[in-house]
Amino acid sequence: MPSSDTAPKIVTACVLIIGNEILSGRTQDANLAFLAQGLNEAGIRLREARVIPDDHDVIVSTVNEVRHGFDYVFTTGGIGPTHDDITAQCMADAFGVALIVHPEARRLLESHYPPGHLNEARLRMAMVPEGAALLPNPISRAPGFQIGNVYVLPGVPSIMQGIFEQLKYRLIGGDKVLSRSVSCQLAEGTLAEDLGELQERYPDVEIGSYPYFRRGDFGVTLVLRGTDRERLAAATDELKELVRNLGGDPQEGLSEG
């Protein structure tokens, strides 16, 4: 195992999905998988994701908890023009600052809507906590914002993705997590004991087991993740040998990363 002085640099993130419509099942979240993949590409490990309601006290307390426990926090939802879009006010309260109309955000909205159409409801989308930095929106102009280590994004997937694609190059990550996969037509129960022993020998490599059932076929895909390429390769080689010894035919995945 690598010594402590060469231990990987780990940068963590938490995602908060805000919205009663997600919790009720009326809307299915389409943002988490996108953020998880994008953060991994940036060398940031998504350690936790929560779905919370449009409730002021819940949002404030949750934000104040996770912003101290993770390097980055990303929220989605609740920054639109309607009465239940309360995320911006909650962020201001969480950080103990005023909610203001950001002059640049207002200018962006004025340039987006025809003259006279920037009504009071739409102007809500220009309101951010005092001291927050705007996150440019290439789709509909209404910006997200960053305050501290919290990045506040809209819930509409196409808009959220457009904003994130621009801001992710500013994120400072740690060592990128690499992955390898091995599939075989063995049951998890057959592999469990030897797989546990392999994990003990490679505590720096995360090994996950994922059964599959498709077209009358069954088996398991074993995914190995780590930051040290040589250790990952060694663990993968041992895993394939383990599968062979148990009578299986290991098929390694084609991609790594």
Protein backbone atom coordinates (compact mmCIF):
# COMPACT_ATOMS: atom_id res chain seq x y z
CA MET A 1 0.00 0.00 0.00
CA PRO A 2 1.28 3.52 -0.77
CA SER A 3 2.93 5.30 2.18
CA SER A 4 1.23 8.23 3.87
CA ASP A 5 3.49 10.78 2.17
CA THR A 6 2.23 9.62 -1.23
CA ALA A 7 -1.40 9.26 -0.19
CA PRO A 8 -3.79 10.60 -2.84
CA LYS A 9 -5.10 14.12 -2.52
CA ILE A 10 -8.84 13.75 -1.95
CA VAL A 11 -11.26 16.58 -2.73
CA THR A 12 -14.90 15.97 -1.81
CA ALA A 13 -18.31 17.25 -2.81
CA CYS A 14 -21.93 17.02 -1.74
CA VAL A 15 -24.97 17.59 -3.96
CA LEU A 16 -28.24 18.93 -2.56
CA ILE A 17 -31.25 18.38 -4.80
CA ILE A 18 -33.89 20.84 -3.67
CA GLY A 19 -37.55 20.47 -4.56
CA ASN A 20 -40.87 19.14 -3.32
CA GLU A 21 -41.59 17.91 -6.84
CA ILE A 22 -38.64 15.50 -6.64
CA LEU A 23 -39.74 14.12 -3.28
CA SER A 24 -43.34 13.67 -4.45
CA GLY A 25 -42.24 11.72 -7.53
CA ARG A 26 -43.87 14.22 -9.87
CA THR A 27 -40.46 15.07 -11.36
CA GLN A 28 -37.58 12.66 -11.75
CA ASP A 29 -34.14 14.04 -10.99
CA ALA A 30 -31.91 14.15 -14.06
CA ASN A 31 -29.03 16.15 -12.57
CA LEU A 32 -27.25 13.87 -10.12
CA ALA A 33 -25.66 11.48 -12.62
CA PHE A 34 -24.43 14.39 -14.75
CA LEU A 35 -22.86 16.14 -11.77
CA ALA A 36 -21.29 12.94 -10.46
CA GLN A 37 -19.61 12.26 -13.79
CA GLY A 38 -18.48 15.85 -14.28
CA LEU A 39 -17.05 16.07 -10.77
CA ASN A 40 -15.17 12.81 -11.19
CA GLU A 41 -13.63 14.14 -14.39
CA ALA A 42 -12.46 17.17 -12.39
CA GLY A 43 -10.86 14.98 -9.72
CA ILE A 44 -13.61 15.69 -7.18
CA ARG A 45 -15.26 12.80 -5.35
CA LEU A 46 -18.98 13.05 -4.85
CA ARG A 47 -19.34 11.65 -1.34
CA GLU A 48 -22.97 12.41 -0.61
CA ALA A 49 -26.23 13.46 -2.27
CA ARG A 50 -29.43 14.49 -0.53
CA VAL A 51 -32.92 15.35 -1.72
CA ILE A 52 -34.52 17.98 0.50
CA PRO A 53 -37.83 19.89 0.37
CA ASP A 54 -38.54 23.54 -0.40
CA ASP A 55 -38.47 24.27 3.31
CA HIS A 56 -36.54 27.29 4.58
CA ASP A 57 -35.28 25.81 7.84
CA VAL A 58 -34.33 22.47 6.26
CA ILE A 59 -32.37 24.15 3.47
CA VAL A 60 -30.54 26.55 5.79
CA SER A 61 -29.58 23.89 8.33
CA THR A 62 -28.53 21.39 5.66
CA VAL A 63 -26.39 23.91 3.78
CA ASN A 64 -24.67 25.00 6.98
CA GLU A 65 -23.95 21.37 7.83
CA VAL A 66 -22.54 20.22 4.50
CA ARG A 67 -20.56 23.33 3.56
CA HIS A 68 -18.36 22.67 6.59
CA GLY A 69 -18.04 18.96 5.86
CA PHE A 70 -17.16 18.98 2.16
CA ASP A 71 -14.80 20.92 -0.07
CA TYR A 72 -17.58 21.72 -2.53
CA VAL A 73 -21.37 21.84 -2.30
CA PHE A 74 -23.63 21.98 -5.35
CA THR A 75 -27.35 22.66 -5.11
CA THR A 76 -29.96 22.28 -7.84
CA GLY A 77 -33.42 23.79 -7.88
CA GLY A 78 -35.31 26.68 -6.37
CA ILE A 79 -33.86 29.75 -8.10
CA GLY A 80 -36.67 30.45 -10.56
CA PRO A 81 -39.29 33.25 -10.60
CA THR A 82 -42.13 31.71 -8.56
CA HIS A 83 -43.07 32.00 -4.88
CA ASP A 84 -41.72 28.55 -4.01
CA ASP A 85 -38.26 29.36 -5.40
CA ILE A 86 -36.69 30.14 -2.04
CA THR A 87 -33.15 28.80 -2.45
CA ALA A 88 -31.48 32.20 -2.92
CA GLN A 89 -33.05 33.60 0.26
CA CYS A 90 -32.08 30.44 2.14
CA MET A 91 -28.46 30.78 1.01
CA ALA A 92 -28.39 34.39 2.20
CA ASP A 93 -29.77 33.33 5.57
CA ALA A 94 -27.34 30.39 5.82
CA PHE A 95 -24.39 32.76 5.33
CA GLY A 96 -25.91 35.57 7.39
CA VAL A 97 -25.98 38.17 4.61
CA ALA A 98 -28.64 40.21 2.83
CA LEU A 99 -30.39 39.13 -0.36
CA ILE A 100 -29.84 41.80 -3.02
CA VAL A 101 -30.63 42.46 -6.65
CA HIS A 102 -27.28 41.93 -8.35
CA PRO A 103 -26.79 44.76 -10.89
CA GLU A 104 -25.08 42.52 -13.46
CA ALA A 105 -27.75 39.85 -13.12
CA ARG A 106 -30.40 42.50 -13.63
CA ARG A 107 -28.61 43.78 -16.73
CA LEU A 108 -28.45 40.24 -18.15
CA LEU A 109 -32.18 39.75 -17.65
CA GLU A 110 -33.00 43.16 -19.12
CA SER A 111 -31.05 42.22 -22.25
CA HIS A 112 -32.85 38.87 -22.45
CA TYR A 113 -36.48 40.05 -22.14
CA PRO A 114 -38.23 42.59 -24.39
CA PRO A 115 -38.49 46.11 -22.92
CA GLY A 116 -41.05 46.23 -20.13
CA HIS A 117 -41.20 42.43 -19.69
CA LEU A 118 -38.78 42.18 -16.75
CA ASN A 119 -41.56 42.04 -14.17
CA GLU A 120 -41.24 41.59 -10.42
CA ALA A 121 -41.41 37.79 -10.65
CA ARG A 122 -38.63 37.58 -13.23
CA LEU A 123 -36.53 40.04 -11.26
CA ARG A 124 -36.41 37.42 -8.48
CA MET A 125 -33.93 35.57 -10.69
CA ALA A 126 -31.49 38.49 -10.29
CA MET A 127 -31.52 38.25 -6.49
CA VAL A 128 -28.46 36.69 -4.88
CA PRO A 129 -26.81 36.79 -1.44
CA GLU A 130 -24.65 39.85 -0.96
CA GLY A 131 -21.06 39.02 -1.91
CA ALA A 132 -22.00 36.10 -4.15
CA ALA A 133 -20.33 35.66 -7.55
CA LEU A 134 -22.49 35.02 -10.60
CA LEU A 135 -22.25 31.80 -12.60
CA PRO A 136 -22.91 32.58 -16.29
CA ASN A 137 -25.92 30.92 -17.91
CA PRO A 138 -25.41 30.37 -21.65
CA ILE A 139 -28.97 29.10 -22.14
CA SER A 140 -31.49 31.51 -20.60
CA ARG A 141 -29.24 34.25 -19.15
CA ALA A 142 -30.58 33.97 -15.55
CA PRO A 143 -27.36 33.17 -13.68
CA GLY A 144 -26.58 30.75 -10.92
CA PHE A 145 -24.28 31.94 -8.18
CA GLN A 146 -21.46 30.92 -5.87
CA ILE A 147 -21.15 31.90 -2.24
CA GLY A 148 -18.27 30.44 -0.26
CA ASN A 149 -17.84 26.85 -1.37
CA VAL A 150 -21.51 26.51 -2.34
CA TYR A 151 -22.50 26.55 -6.02
CA VAL A 152 -26.19 27.24 -6.56
CA LEU A 153 -27.60 25.92 -9.85
CA PRO A 154 -31.07 25.77 -11.41
CA GLY A 155 -33.02 22.54 -11.51
CA VAL A 156 -33.81 22.54 -15.25
CA PRO A 157 -31.30 19.97 -16.56
CA SER A 158 -30.29 21.70 -19.79
CA ILE A 159 -29.66 25.00 -18.02
CA MET A 160 -27.89 23.38 -15.07
CA GLN A 161 -25.62 21.50 -17.45
CA GLY A 162 -24.81 24.65 -19.43
CA ILE A 163 -23.77 26.50 -16.29
CA PHE A 164 -21.78 23.59 -14.87
CA GLU A 165 -19.88 23.02 -18.12
CA GLN A 166 -18.56 26.57 -17.85
CA LEU A 167 -17.74 26.57 -14.15
CA LYS A 168 -16.15 23.10 -13.86
CA TYR A 169 -12.87 24.36 -15.33
CA ARG A 170 -12.50 26.63 -12.28
CA LEU A 171 -12.81 23.75 -9.82
CA ILE A 172 -9.65 22.48 -8.17
CA GLY A 173 -9.70 18.73 -7.80
CA GLY A 174 -7.46 16.10 -6.32
CA ASP A 175 -6.06 12.93 -7.83
CA LYS A 176 -8.40 11.54 -10.45
CA VAL A 177 -10.08 8.26 -9.69
CA LEU A 178 -9.40 5.56 -12.31
CA SER A 179 -11.57 2.49 -12.76
CA ARG A 180 -11.40 -1.01 -14.20
CA SER A 181 -14.17 -3.58 -14.47
CA VAL A 182 -14.30 -7.36 -14.66
CA SER A 183 -17.46 -9.31 -15.48
CA CYS A 184 -18.10 -13.02 -15.05
CA GLN A 185 -20.96 -15.50 -14.91
CA LEU A 186 -20.56 -16.33 -11.23
CA ALA A 187 -22.93 -15.61 -8.37
CA GLU A 188 -21.98 -13.02 -5.76
CA GLY A 189 -22.17 -15.66 -3.06
CA THR A 190 -19.51 -17.69 -4.83
CA LEU A 191 -17.17 -14.71 -4.93
CA ALA A 192 -17.92 -13.11 -1.59
CA GLU A 193 -15.28 -14.67 0.68
CA ASP A 194 -12.34 -14.38 -1.73
CA LEU A 195 -13.46 -10.92 -2.81
CA GLY A 196 -13.44 -9.76 0.80
CA GLU A 197 -9.89 -11.06 1.23
CA LEU A 198 -8.82 -9.23 -1.94
CA GLN A 199 -10.30 -6.00 -0.61
CA GLU A 200 -8.32 -6.43 2.62
CA ARG A 201 -5.10 -6.74 0.61
CA TYR A 202 -5.94 -3.60 -1.39
CA PRO A 203 -7.54 -1.15 1.08
CA ASP A 204 -6.59 1.73 -1.23
CA VAL A 205 -8.70 0.26 -4.07
CA GLU A 206 -12.48 0.42 -3.82
CA ILE A 207 -14.06 -2.83 -5.08
CA GLY A 208 -17.78 -2.91 -5.83
CA SER A 209 -19.93 -5.88 -6.85
CA TYR A 210 -22.93 -5.36 -9.16
CA PRO A 211 -25.07 -8.37 -10.19
CA TYR A 212 -26.78 -8.34 -13.59
CA PHE A 213 -29.65 -10.24 -15.17
CA ARG A 214 -30.20 -9.83 -18.89
CA ARG A 215 -31.64 -11.94 -21.70
CA GLY A 216 -31.78 -15.03 -19.53
CA ASP A 217 -28.14 -14.53 -18.53
CA PHE A 218 -26.85 -13.66 -15.08
CA GLY A 219 -23.54 -12.81 -13.51
CA VAL A 220 -21.71 -10.00 -11.77
CA THR A 221 -19.65 -7.01 -12.79
CA LEU A 222 -16.87 -6.11 -10.38
CA VAL A 223 -15.69 -2.51 -10.51
CA LEU A 224 -12.34 -1.45 -9.07
CA ARG A 225 -11.61 2.23 -8.42
CA GLY A 226 -8.44 3.92 -7.21
CA THR A 227 -5.94 6.69 -7.89
CA ASP A 228 -2.77 4.60 -8.26
CA ARG A 229 -2.64 3.07 -11.74
CA GLU A 230 -0.15 0.33 -10.79
CA ARG A 231 -2.07 -0.73 -7.68
CA LEU A 232 -5.29 -0.76 -9.66
CA ALA A 233 -3.74 -2.95 -12.36
CA ALA A 234 -2.33 -5.36 -9.77
CA ALA A 235 -5.67 -5.68 -8.00
CA THR A 236 -7.41 -6.27 -11.33
CA ASP A 237 -4.96 -9.02 -12.28
CA GLU A 238 -5.49 -10.74 -8.93
CA LEU A 239 -9.24 -10.44 -9.33
CA LYS A 240 -9.17 -12.09 -12.75
CA GLU A 241 -7.07 -14.93 -11.35
CA LEU A 242 -9.52 -15.28 -8.46
CA VAL A 243 -12.42 -15.60 -10.92
CA ARG A 244 -10.56 -18.24 -12.94
CA ASN A 245 -9.83 -20.27 -9.79
CA LEU A 246 -13.54 -20.30 -9.01
CA GLY A 247 -14.38 -21.62 -12.48
CA GLY A 248 -15.34 -18.34 -14.09
CA ASP A 249 -14.23 -16.61 -17.29
CA PRO A 250 -13.25 -13.01 -16.44
CA GLN A 251 -14.05 -10.41 -19.09
CA GLU A 252 -12.34 -7.10 -18.49
CA GLY A 253 -14.08 -3.85 -19.41
CA LEU A 254 -12.72 -1.87 -22.33
CA SER A 255 -12.60 1.54 -20.67
CA GLU A 256 -10.62 3.02 -17.84
CA GLY A 257 -11.34 6.28 -16.12
